[in-house]
Amino acid sequence: MSSTTRRTRRSTAIAVSLAAGSALVPTGTAGADTARTGSPTVTAPVGQGLYQSAYSERNDALWVTSSVGQPPATVTDSRLLRVDPDTLKVEKAYKAPVTDAATGAVESVYGVAVDDEHNTVWTTNTRDNSVAVYSQRTGKRLATLPGVNHSREIVVDERHDTVWASAFADGALVAFDSATFKEKKRVTVPGTGPTGLTLNKRTGTVYAADYHGDQIIEVSPGAGSPRLVPAGEGPLSIALSKNGRTAYTADQTSGTVTVVDLRKGAVTRSVATGGGTKSVAVDRRSGHVLAVNRTTATVTIVDPHKGAVVKSVTTGANPNHVQVAQGHAYVVDKSASGPAGEDLLTRVRLGR
């Protein structure tokens, strides 16, 4: 599907949805192109227990994970949701399988990434210390892969047929073959707590935010051992610039986005974004960095070259993750402020 077709479909779908009086809630101030593309900020209730999202260009779908229940409570309701990125309506909801019939516990899904080459979607099942693979076409669970202790996030390297998952409790990055689902590499850095992941698609180098060590773990295909690079305080999430030379970390402890020169292996600046910075993503068109701030309930747009905040947009309470796709930022929160106690999905149109 071409980008022009997607934009046409998106504009039409938003207009129809708003005219029909759906659950979409426009917020913010409309810009000059409001009539063409809808409100710049739109929010909709999606489901309870939202965690992360990932966009599939192949299917023009937003995949969202949902797990209800905080430890020590047992998770008995967990779903992988397929959401229309135009209308923000749930198209399909796939329930996770039961793992304990006595308690009703299910394989709870948290992190998510898509593999458009193989038409699959991968999840981390944090409480079950595993990752899972689902078909994007049918939603069928194809495999559960154990041995990823406190699996947190996941990233797909389509060019090298590899999927990486972070094992927070083991200080490890675990690689799987995206076609056979077999484990093919495991890199352990003792004492670390890898959380967010990102990838240089050209080189196959994977980067992990190390929450324990305030650093980045870099694993390159040709390197004999991981490289450790300084980052911000309490980094949870990481993203790369378009050219792959700069990394950005979302620092929960300091409430900042830290800019890291990967060639020099040094921090160049940190930008205050708000309390409890949780997730970070890059708008490759503008080069801006987006960060969600859990405590202040905002998504902040940062110009990393100037080291300055461009603007902040209010979201629902406790935003948890941001995904950039097709000129929009998609933010899932844990506000429970929907009509039936659902969490919200907010779409923010990004400027050029």
Foldseek 3Di string as FASTA:
>chain_A
DDLVVVQVVLQVLQVVLVVVVHQKDADDDADPCCNRHNRQKIKGFEFAAWAEWEADPLVQWIWTKHWDDDPPDATQWIWIFTANPRNRYTPDTHTAAADDPVRNHGQGWHAWYAQNVQQKIKTDSQVQQWIWIAHNVPRHTDDIGHDQHRWAYKYDQNVVQWIWIHRQVQQKIWIARNPVRHTDDIAHDPPWGWAAKDADNVQGWIWTQTQRPQWIWIDGPPDPHIDTAHHHHRFHYKEAAPVRQWMWTFHQVQQWIWIAGNVVSYTDDIAHDEHRWAYWYADRVQRWIWIAHQQVQWIWTADVVVSDTPDIDHHAHRWRYWDDDSQKIWIWGNRLPDPRRGTMIMIGGHDD
